[in-house]
Amino acid sequence: MRSTAGSTKPTGTATRPEREGRVRRFSTAERMVHRATGHLMLLCLVSAACLYLGPLAQLVGRRNLMVTVHEWSGISLPLPFLLGLLTPAFRVDLRRLNRFAVYDRQWLRAVRRRRTSPEARPAGKFNAGQKLYAGWIAGAVLVMMFTGLLMWFMGLLPFISRTSAIFVHDILAWAITFVLLGHMRRAFEDPEARLGMRTGYVSLSWSQRYHSRWLPEERVGDGAEDATVRRTTPHAPERPGRQS
């Protein structure tokens, strides 16, 4: 089945306004995946802080419990993602996040030049910054899991020292902390985006202003689907006319 450039969403399943002045942005499954991943990430970071920061470790105590919470929250991080793969809407949005369109490069150029107007930063359902963030955080989580397993099971790969694994794990943990703080800051600056993640719906005016390529791409996809159906539908053979 064909899909529109930049969206990768299969035609015929376009997102359309389902309420007056509202647009369906995320399915229930997508919102649950985001929420569960966020809670696991927060639990992982808080338990890590209780282990890493001396004053906080002394205040909380129960180091063995914090180690167990940190290990299992970290190893559970991919579970919401894997469960989300069972739903079509989640897989469609993953394809969107994995594809850069021409206007995404325009969005990045506008950021470098500090142009903040929505007209200078065209975007589909996800802008270029969200795509970069999604790719970076996915890779960072995989590296954190790998180095964490090396620390948990010290004989897993003997040729990699535990000191090296700890160094990479700690440095990347700080990087993830700062990136997540930036992500949360951007979310708090955009109440409509938070509403979309909380309820699944955003206003039509917001989507047209800040994600101007999203709905037009879906409509183009529907048109392409209809045209394909018309071209591939066989016509009934005409009956031969009676000879006069």
C-alpha atoms as a PDB file:
ATOM      1  CA  MET A   1       0.000   0.000   0.000  1.00  0.00           C
ATOM      2  CA  ARG A   2       1.344   3.405  -0.933  1.00  0.00           C
ATOM      3  CA  SER A   3       2.185   6.171   1.534  1.00  0.00           C
ATOM      4  CA  THR A   4       2.767   9.891   1.268  1.00  0.00           C
ATOM      5  CA  ALA A   5       6.258  11.396   1.329  1.00  0.00           C
ATOM      6  CA  GLY A   6       7.392  12.386   4.789  1.00  0.00           C
ATOM      7  CA  SER A   7       4.547  10.664   6.614  1.00  0.00           C
ATOM      8  CA  THR A   8       4.893   6.975   5.636  1.00  0.00           C
ATOM      9  CA  LYS A   9       1.331   6.445   6.785  1.00  0.00           C
ATOM     10  CA  PRO A  10      -0.562   3.894   4.660  1.00  0.00           C
ATOM     11  CA  THR A  11      -3.121   5.603   2.519  1.00  0.00           C
ATOM     12  CA  GLY A  12      -6.701   5.068   3.465  1.00  0.00           C
ATOM     13  CA  THR A  13      -5.970   5.348   7.229  1.00  0.00           C
ATOM     14  CA  ALA A  14      -5.503   9.101   7.408  1.00  0.00           C
ATOM     15  CA  THR A  15      -5.960  11.061  10.590  1.00  0.00           C
ATOM     16  CA  ARG A  16      -8.965  13.361  10.247  1.00  0.00           C
ATOM     17  CA  PRO A  17     -10.886  15.699  12.510  1.00  0.00           C
ATOM     18  CA  GLU A  18     -13.111  13.466  14.619  1.00  0.00           C
ATOM     19  CA  ARG A  19     -14.599  16.267  16.703  1.00  0.00           C
ATOM     20  CA  GLU A  20     -15.499  19.753  15.706  1.00  0.00           C
ATOM     21  CA  GLY A  21     -12.282  21.755  15.566  1.00  0.00           C
ATOM     22  CA  ARG A  22     -10.218  18.816  16.891  1.00  0.00           C
ATOM     23  CA  VAL A  23      -7.838  16.368  15.233  1.00  0.00           C
ATOM     24  CA  ARG A  24      -6.951  12.898  16.481  1.00  0.00           C
ATOM     25  CA  ARG A  25      -3.161  12.943  16.990  1.00  0.00           C
ATOM     26  CA  PHE A  26      -2.356   9.849  19.075  1.00  0.00           C
ATOM     27  CA  SER A  27      -4.145   6.580  19.700  1.00  0.00           C
ATOM     28  CA  THR A  28      -4.727   5.230  23.191  1.00  0.00           C
ATOM     29  CA  ALA A  29      -1.958   2.658  22.715  1.00  0.00           C
ATOM     30  CA  GLU A  30       0.560   5.340  21.694  1.00  0.00           C
ATOM     31  CA  ARG A  31      -0.258   7.448  24.725  1.00  0.00           C
ATOM     32  CA  MET A  32       0.072   4.443  27.029  1.00  0.00           C
ATOM     33  CA  VAL A  33       3.470   3.584  25.524  1.00  0.00           C
ATOM     34  CA  HIS A  34       4.676   7.149  26.051  1.00  0.00           C
ATOM     35  CA  ARG A  35       3.353   7.258  29.612  1.00  0.00           C
ATOM     36  CA  ALA A  36       4.784   3.878  30.638  1.00  0.00           C
ATOM     37  CA  THR A  37       8.169   4.678  29.093  1.00  0.00           C
ATOM     38  CA  GLY A  38       8.259   8.034  30.865  1.00  0.00           C
ATOM     39  CA  HIS A  39       7.456   6.484  34.240  1.00  0.00           C
ATOM     40  CA  LEU A  40      10.108   3.789  33.810  1.00  0.00           C
ATOM     41  CA  MET A  41      12.682   6.369  32.728  1.00  0.00           C
ATOM     42  CA  LEU A  42      11.873   8.584  35.722  1.00  0.00           C
ATOM     43  CA  LEU A  43      12.120   5.618  38.086  1.00  0.00           C
ATOM     44  CA  CYS A  44      15.443   4.661  36.549  1.00  0.00           C
ATOM     45  CA  LEU A  45      16.878   8.179  36.889  1.00  0.00           C
ATOM     46  CA  VAL A  46      15.642   8.704  40.467  1.00  0.00           C
ATOM     47  CA  SER A  47      17.028   5.372  41.637  1.00  0.00           C
ATOM     48  CA  ALA A  48      20.322   6.160  39.875  1.00  0.00           C
ATOM     49  CA  ALA A  49      20.505   9.505  41.681  1.00  0.00           C
ATOM     50  CA  CYS A  50      19.979   7.714  45.002  1.00  0.00           C
ATOM     51  CA  LEU A  51      22.974   5.532  44.181  1.00  0.00           C
ATOM     52  CA  TYR A  52      25.250   8.132  42.599  1.00  0.00           C
ATOM     53  CA  LEU A  53      24.797  11.263  44.712  1.00  0.00           C
ATOM     54  CA  GLY A  54      26.252  10.864  48.207  1.00  0.00           C
ATOM     55  CA  PRO A  55      23.923  13.195  50.193  1.00  0.00           C
ATOM     56  CA  LEU A  56      20.843  11.730  48.517  1.00  0.00           C
ATOM     57  CA  ALA A  57      22.079   8.185  49.094  1.00  0.00           C
ATOM     58  CA  GLN A  58      22.526   8.914  52.806  1.00  0.00           C
ATOM     59  CA  LEU A  59      19.075  10.491  53.008  1.00  0.00           C
ATOM     60  CA  VAL A  60      17.279   7.606  51.314  1.00  0.00           C
ATOM     61  CA  GLY A  61      19.387   4.678  52.490  1.00  0.00           C
ATOM     62  CA  ARG A  62      18.275   1.163  51.511  1.00  0.00           C
ATOM     63  CA  ARG A  63      20.975   0.893  48.861  1.00  0.00           C
ATOM     64  CA  ASN A  64      20.199  -2.714  47.966  1.00  0.00           C
ATOM     65  CA  LEU A  65      16.577  -1.798  47.269  1.00  0.00           C
ATOM     66  CA  MET A  66      17.644   1.133  45.077  1.00  0.00           C
ATOM     67  CA  VAL A  67      20.012  -1.141  43.141  1.00  0.00           C
ATOM     68  CA  THR A  68      17.187  -3.614  42.495  1.00  0.00           C
ATOM     69  CA  VAL A  69      14.756  -0.873  41.435  1.00  0.00           C
ATOM     70  CA  HIS A  70      17.355   0.657  39.112  1.00  0.00           C
ATOM     71  CA  GLU A  71      18.268  -2.645  37.485  1.00  0.00           C
ATOM     72  CA  TRP A  72      14.726  -3.795  36.821  1.00  0.00           C
ATOM     73  CA  SER A  73      13.368  -0.420  35.735  1.00  0.00           C
ATOM     74  CA  GLY A  74      16.274  -0.163  33.283  1.00  0.00           C
ATOM     75  CA  ILE A  75      15.839  -3.651  31.873  1.00  0.00           C
ATOM     76  CA  SER A  76      12.075  -3.027  31.520  1.00  0.00           C
ATOM     77  CA  LEU A  77      12.441   0.159  29.465  1.00  0.00           C
ATOM     78  CA  PRO A  78      11.985  -1.517  26.049  1.00  0.00           C
ATOM     79  CA  LEU A  79       8.823  -3.387  27.106  1.00  0.00           C
ATOM     80  CA  PRO A  80       6.300  -0.577  26.363  1.00  0.00           C
ATOM     81  CA  PHE A  81       7.945  -0.069  22.960  1.00  0.00           C
ATOM     82  CA  LEU A  82       7.748  -3.787  22.130  1.00  0.00           C
ATOM     83  CA  LEU A  83       4.099  -3.954  23.174  1.00  0.00           C
ATOM     84  CA  GLY A  84       3.369  -0.844  21.128  1.00  0.00           C
ATOM     85  CA  LEU A  85       4.622  -2.623  18.006  1.00  0.00           C
ATOM     86  CA  LEU A  86       1.490  -4.756  18.163  1.00  0.00           C
ATOM     87  CA  THR A  87      -0.654  -1.733  17.214  1.00  0.00           C
ATOM     88  CA  PRO A  88      -0.788  -0.344  13.639  1.00  0.00           C
ATOM     89  CA  ALA A  89      -0.919   3.312  14.732  1.00  0.00           C
ATOM     90  CA  PHE A  90       2.317   2.974  16.693  1.00  0.00           C
ATOM     91  CA  ARG A  91       4.115   1.306  13.785  1.00  0.00           C
ATOM     92  CA  VAL A  92       2.928   4.026  11.419  1.00  0.00           C
ATOM     93  CA  ASP A  93       4.282   6.786  13.642  1.00  0.00           C
ATOM     94  CA  LEU A  94       7.596   4.939  13.966  1.00  0.00           C
ATOM     95  CA  ARG A  95       7.937   5.072  10.194  1.00  0.00           C
ATOM     96  CA  ARG A  96       7.180   8.778  10.308  1.00  0.00           C
ATOM     97  CA  LEU A  97       9.887   9.339  12.923  1.00  0.00           C
ATOM     98  CA  ASN A  98      12.367   7.321  10.872  1.00  0.00           C
ATOM     99  CA  ARG A  99      12.007   9.361   7.683  1.00  0.00           C
ATOM    100  CA  PHE A 100      13.342  12.851   6.943  1.00  0.00           C
ATOM    101  CA  ALA A 101      11.528  14.929   4.339  1.00  0.00           C
ATOM    102  CA  VAL A 102      12.801  17.987   2.474  1.00  0.00           C
ATOM    103  CA  TYR A 103      10.953  20.348   4.790  1.00  0.00           C
ATOM    104  CA  ASP A 104      12.695  18.759   7.803  1.00  0.00           C
ATOM    105  CA  ARG A 105      15.989  20.132   6.506  1.00  0.00           C
ATOM    106  CA  GLN A 106      14.297  23.510   6.165  1.00  0.00           C
ATOM    107  CA  TRP A 107      13.186  23.205   9.809  1.00  0.00           C
ATOM    108  CA  LEU A 108      16.775  22.534  10.912  1.00  0.00           C
ATOM    109  CA  ARG A 109      18.100  25.468   8.888  1.00  0.00           C
ATOM    110  CA  ALA A 110      15.531  27.740  10.533  1.00  0.00           C
ATOM    111  CA  VAL A 111      16.678  26.539  13.964  1.00  0.00           C
ATOM    112  CA  ARG A 112      20.318  27.284  13.134  1.00  0.00           C
ATOM    113  CA  ARG A 113      19.352  30.761  11.951  1.00  0.00           C
ATOM    114  CA  ARG A 114      17.118  31.247  15.019  1.00  0.00           C
ATOM    115  CA  ARG A 115      14.001  31.794  12.957  1.00  0.00           C
ATOM    116  CA  THR A 116      11.078  30.950  15.207  1.00  0.00           C
ATOM    117  CA  SER A 117       8.024  31.678  13.044  1.00  0.00           C
ATOM    118  CA  PRO A 118       5.902  28.603  12.181  1.00  0.00           C
ATOM    119  CA  GLU A 119       6.151  29.527   8.497  1.00  0.00           C
ATOM    120  CA  ALA A 120       9.940  29.137   8.664  1.00  0.00           C
ATOM    121  CA  ARG A 121       9.671  25.750  10.366  1.00  0.00           C
ATOM    122  CA  PRO A 122       7.337  23.512   8.335  1.00  0.00           C
ATOM    123  CA  ALA A 123       6.683  20.082   9.811  1.00  0.00           C
ATOM    124  CA  GLY A 124       4.647  16.979   9.271  1.00  0.00           C
ATOM    125  CA  LYS A 125       3.107  15.148  12.195  1.00  0.00           C
ATOM    126  CA  PHE A 126       6.547  15.283  13.855  1.00  0.00           C
ATOM    127  CA  ASN A 127       9.080  18.040  13.321  1.00  0.00           C
ATOM    128  CA  ALA A 128      12.764  17.430  12.674  1.00  0.00           C
ATOM    129  CA  GLY A 129      13.695  18.072  16.300  1.00  0.00           C
ATOM    130  CA  GLN A 130      11.282  15.415  17.516  1.00  0.00           C
ATOM    131  CA  LYS A 131      12.658  12.944  14.991  1.00  0.00           C
ATOM    132  CA  LEU A 132      16.237  13.580  16.095  1.00  0.00           C
ATOM    133  CA  TYR A 133      15.264  13.287  19.745  1.00  0.00           C
ATOM    134  CA  ALA A 134      13.447   9.990  19.182  1.00  0.00           C
ATOM    135  CA  GLY A 135      16.419   8.480  17.337  1.00  0.00           C
ATOM    136  CA  TRP A 136      18.945   9.708  19.888  1.00  0.00           C
ATOM    137  CA  ILE A 137      17.033   8.538  22.965  1.00  0.00           C
ATOM    138  CA  ALA A 138      16.405   5.112  21.418  1.00  0.00           C
ATOM    139  CA  GLY A 139      20.118   4.638  20.756  1.00  0.00           C
ATOM    140  CA  ALA A 140      21.066   5.964  24.195  1.00  0.00           C
ATOM    141  CA  VAL A 141      18.704   3.543  25.944  1.00  0.00           C
ATOM    142  CA  LEU A 142      20.214   0.600  24.059  1.00  0.00           C
ATOM    143  CA  VAL A 143      23.752   1.633  25.060  1.00  0.00           C
ATOM    144  CA  MET A 144      22.647   2.136  28.674  1.00  0.00           C
ATOM    145  CA  MET A 145      21.093  -1.321  28.742  1.00  0.00           C
ATOM    146  CA  PHE A 146      24.217  -2.892  27.243  1.00  0.00           C
ATOM    147  CA  THR A 147      26.610  -1.227  29.670  1.00  0.00           C
ATOM    148  CA  GLY A 148      24.240  -1.887  32.568  1.00  0.00           C
ATOM    149  CA  LEU A 149      24.169  -5.605  31.754  1.00  0.00           C
ATOM    150  CA  LEU A 150      27.980  -5.624  31.638  1.00  0.00           C
ATOM    151  CA  MET A 151      28.001  -4.150  35.150  1.00  0.00           C
ATOM    152  CA  TRP A 152      25.275  -6.520  36.351  1.00  0.00           C
ATOM    153  CA  PHE A 153      26.839  -9.668  34.861  1.00  0.00           C
ATOM    154  CA  MET A 154      30.562  -8.973  35.052  1.00  0.00           C
ATOM    155  CA  GLY A 155      31.580 -12.136  33.190  1.00  0.00           C
ATOM    156  CA  LEU A 156      29.270 -11.486  30.213  1.00  0.00           C
ATOM    157  CA  LEU A 157      32.022 -10.049  27.972  1.00  0.00           C
ATOM    158  CA  PRO A 158      35.395 -10.507  29.711  1.00  0.00           C
ATOM    159  CA  PHE A 159      37.294  -8.477  27.121  1.00  0.00           C
ATOM    160  CA  ILE A 160      35.355  -5.319  28.153  1.00  0.00           C
ATOM    161  CA  SER A 161      36.402  -4.088  31.581  1.00  0.00           C
ATOM    162  CA  ARG A 162      33.792  -3.151  34.169  1.00  0.00           C
ATOM    163  CA  THR A 163      35.533   0.218  34.598  1.00  0.00           C
ATOM    164  CA  SER A 164      34.941   1.056  30.929  1.00  0.00           C
ATOM    165  CA  ALA A 165      31.286   0.056  31.184  1.00  0.00           C
ATOM    166  CA  ILE A 166      30.818   2.208  34.299  1.00  0.00           C
ATOM    167  CA  PHE A 167      32.475   5.208  32.615  1.00  0.00           C
ATOM    168  CA  VAL A 168      30.248   5.020  29.515  1.00  0.00           C
ATOM    169  CA  HIS A 169      27.155   4.349  31.627  1.00  0.00           C
ATOM    170  CA  ASP A 170      27.756   7.363  33.885  1.00  0.00           C
ATOM    171  CA  ILE A 171      28.586   9.804  31.089  1.00  0.00           C
ATOM    172  CA  LEU A 172      25.567   8.762  29.050  1.00  0.00           C
ATOM    173  CA  ALA A 173      23.323   8.936  32.126  1.00  0.00           C
ATOM    174  CA  TRP A 174      24.194  12.623  32.560  1.00  0.00           C
ATOM    175  CA  ALA A 175      23.607  13.244  28.849  1.00  0.00           C
ATOM    176  CA  ILE A 176      20.181  11.567  29.017  1.00  0.00           C
ATOM    177  CA  THR A 177      19.295  13.629  32.088  1.00  0.00           C
ATOM    178  CA  PHE A 178      20.026  16.929  30.331  1.00  0.00           C
ATOM    179  CA  VAL A 179      18.277  15.869  27.117  1.00  0.00           C
ATOM    180  CA  LEU A 180      15.184  14.766  29.038  1.00  0.00           C
ATOM    181  CA  LEU A 181      15.111  18.059  30.927  1.00  0.00           C
ATOM    182  CA  GLY A 182      15.164  19.844  27.576  1.00  0.00           C
ATOM    183  CA  HIS A 183      12.375  17.602  26.307  1.00  0.00           C
ATOM    184  CA  MET A 184      10.254  18.358  29.373  1.00  0.00           C
ATOM    185  CA  ARG A 185      10.954  22.068  29.066  1.00  0.00           C
ATOM    186  CA  ARG A 186       9.730  22.096  25.480  1.00  0.00           C
ATOM    187  CA  ALA A 187       6.626  20.151  26.524  1.00  0.00           C
ATOM    188  CA  PHE A 188       5.773  22.641  29.267  1.00  0.00           C
ATOM    189  CA  GLU A 189       6.127  25.477  26.749  1.00  0.00           C
ATOM    190  CA  ASP A 190       3.493  23.890  24.483  1.00  0.00           C
ATOM    191  CA  PRO A 191       0.220  23.155  26.342  1.00  0.00           C
ATOM    192  CA  GLU A 192      -1.465  21.965  23.142  1.00  0.00           C
ATOM    193  CA  ALA A 193       1.183  19.293  22.589  1.00  0.00           C
ATOM    194  CA  ARG A 194       0.687  18.094  26.163  1.00  0.00           C
ATOM    195  CA  LEU A 195      -3.063  18.011  25.591  1.00  0.00           C
ATOM    196  CA  GLY A 196      -2.525  15.824  22.526  1.00  0.00           C
ATOM    197  CA  MET A 197      -0.450  13.372  24.520  1.00  0.00           C
ATOM    198  CA  ARG A 198      -2.933  13.384  27.393  1.00  0.00           C
ATOM    199  CA  THR A 199      -6.232  13.135  25.484  1.00  0.00           C
ATOM    200  CA  GLY A 200      -5.158  12.109  21.980  1.00  0.00           C
ATOM    201  CA  TYR A 201      -6.674  15.234  20.383  1.00  0.00           C
ATOM    202  CA  VAL A 202      -5.283  18.632  19.376  1.00  0.00           C
ATOM    203  CA  SER A 203      -6.934  21.684  17.908  1.00  0.00           C
ATOM    204  CA  LEU A 204      -7.154  21.968  14.157  1.00  0.00           C
ATOM    205  CA  SER A 205      -5.694  25.499  14.263  1.00  0.00           C
ATOM    206  CA  TRP A 206      -2.624  24.281  16.211  1.00  0.00           C
ATOM    207  CA  SER A 207      -1.964  21.449  13.772  1.00  0.00           C
ATOM    208  CA  GLN A 208      -2.276  23.800  10.789  1.00  0.00           C
ATOM    209  CA  ARG A 209       0.056  26.353  12.354  1.00  0.00           C
ATOM    210  CA  TYR A 210       2.850  24.195  13.789  1.00  0.00           C
ATOM    211  CA  HIS A 211       2.518  20.992  11.725  1.00  0.00           C
ATOM    212  CA  SER A 212       1.372  22.450   8.448  1.00  0.00           C
ATOM    213  CA  ARG A 213       2.390  19.448   6.297  1.00  0.00           C
ATOM    214  CA  TRP A 214       0.647  16.821   8.416  1.00  0.00           C
ATOM    215  CA  LEU A 215      -3.019  16.942   7.345  1.00  0.00           C
ATOM    216  CA  PRO A 216      -2.339  17.998   3.708  1.00  0.00           C
ATOM    217  CA  GLU A 217      -0.110  14.929   3.324  1.00  0.00           C
ATOM    218  CA  GLU A 218      -2.870  12.722   4.659  1.00  0.00           C
ATOM    219  CA  ARG A 219      -5.392  14.202   2.237  1.00  0.00           C
ATOM    220  CA  VAL A 220      -2.982  13.678  -0.648  1.00  0.00           C
ATOM    221  CA  GLY A 221      -2.587  10.101   0.497  1.00  0.00           C
ATOM    222  CA  ASP A 222      -6.335   9.589   0.392  1.00  0.00           C
ATOM    223  CA  GLY A 223      -6.471  11.024  -3.118  1.00  0.00           C
ATOM    224  CA  ALA A 224      -3.699   8.721  -4.266  1.00  0.00           C
ATOM    225  CA  GLU A 225      -5.539   5.757  -2.769  1.00  0.00           C
ATOM    226  CA  ASP A 226      -8.786   6.657  -4.535  1.00  0.00           C
ATOM    227  CA  ALA A 227      -6.982   7.112  -7.840  1.00  0.00           C
ATOM    228  CA  THR A 228      -5.242   3.752  -7.455  1.00  0.00           C
ATOM    229  CA  VAL A 229      -8.560   2.056  -6.744  1.00  0.00           C
ATOM    230  CA  ARG A 230     -10.123   3.632  -9.821  1.00  0.00           C
ATOM    231  CA  ARG A 231      -7.222   2.538 -12.022  1.00  0.00           C
ATOM    232  CA  THR A 232      -7.124  -1.037 -10.753  1.00  0.00           C
ATOM    233  CA  THR A 233     -10.858  -1.731 -10.525  1.00  0.00           C
ATOM    234  CA  PRO A 234     -11.864  -3.765 -13.590  1.00  0.00           C
ATOM    235  CA  HIS A 235     -14.779  -2.397 -15.567  1.00  0.00           C
ATOM    236  CA  ALA A 236     -17.710  -4.635 -16.316  1.00  0.00           C
ATOM    237  CA  PRO A 237     -17.677  -5.725 -19.958  1.00  0.00           C
ATOM    238  CA  GLU A 238     -20.191  -3.893 -22.082  1.00  0.00           C
ATOM    239  CA  ARG A 239     -22.989  -5.946 -23.506  1.00  0.00           C
ATOM    240  CA  PRO A 240     -22.975  -6.030 -27.240  1.00  0.00           C
ATOM    241  CA  GLY A 241     -25.792  -3.967 -28.691  1.00  0.00           C
ATOM    242  CA  ARG A 242     -28.578  -5.586 -30.633  1.00  0.00           C
ATOM    243  CA  GLN A 243     -28.138  -5.583 -34.328  1.00  0.00           C
ATOM    244  CA  SER A 244     -30.830  -3.600 -35.997  1.00  0.00           C
END
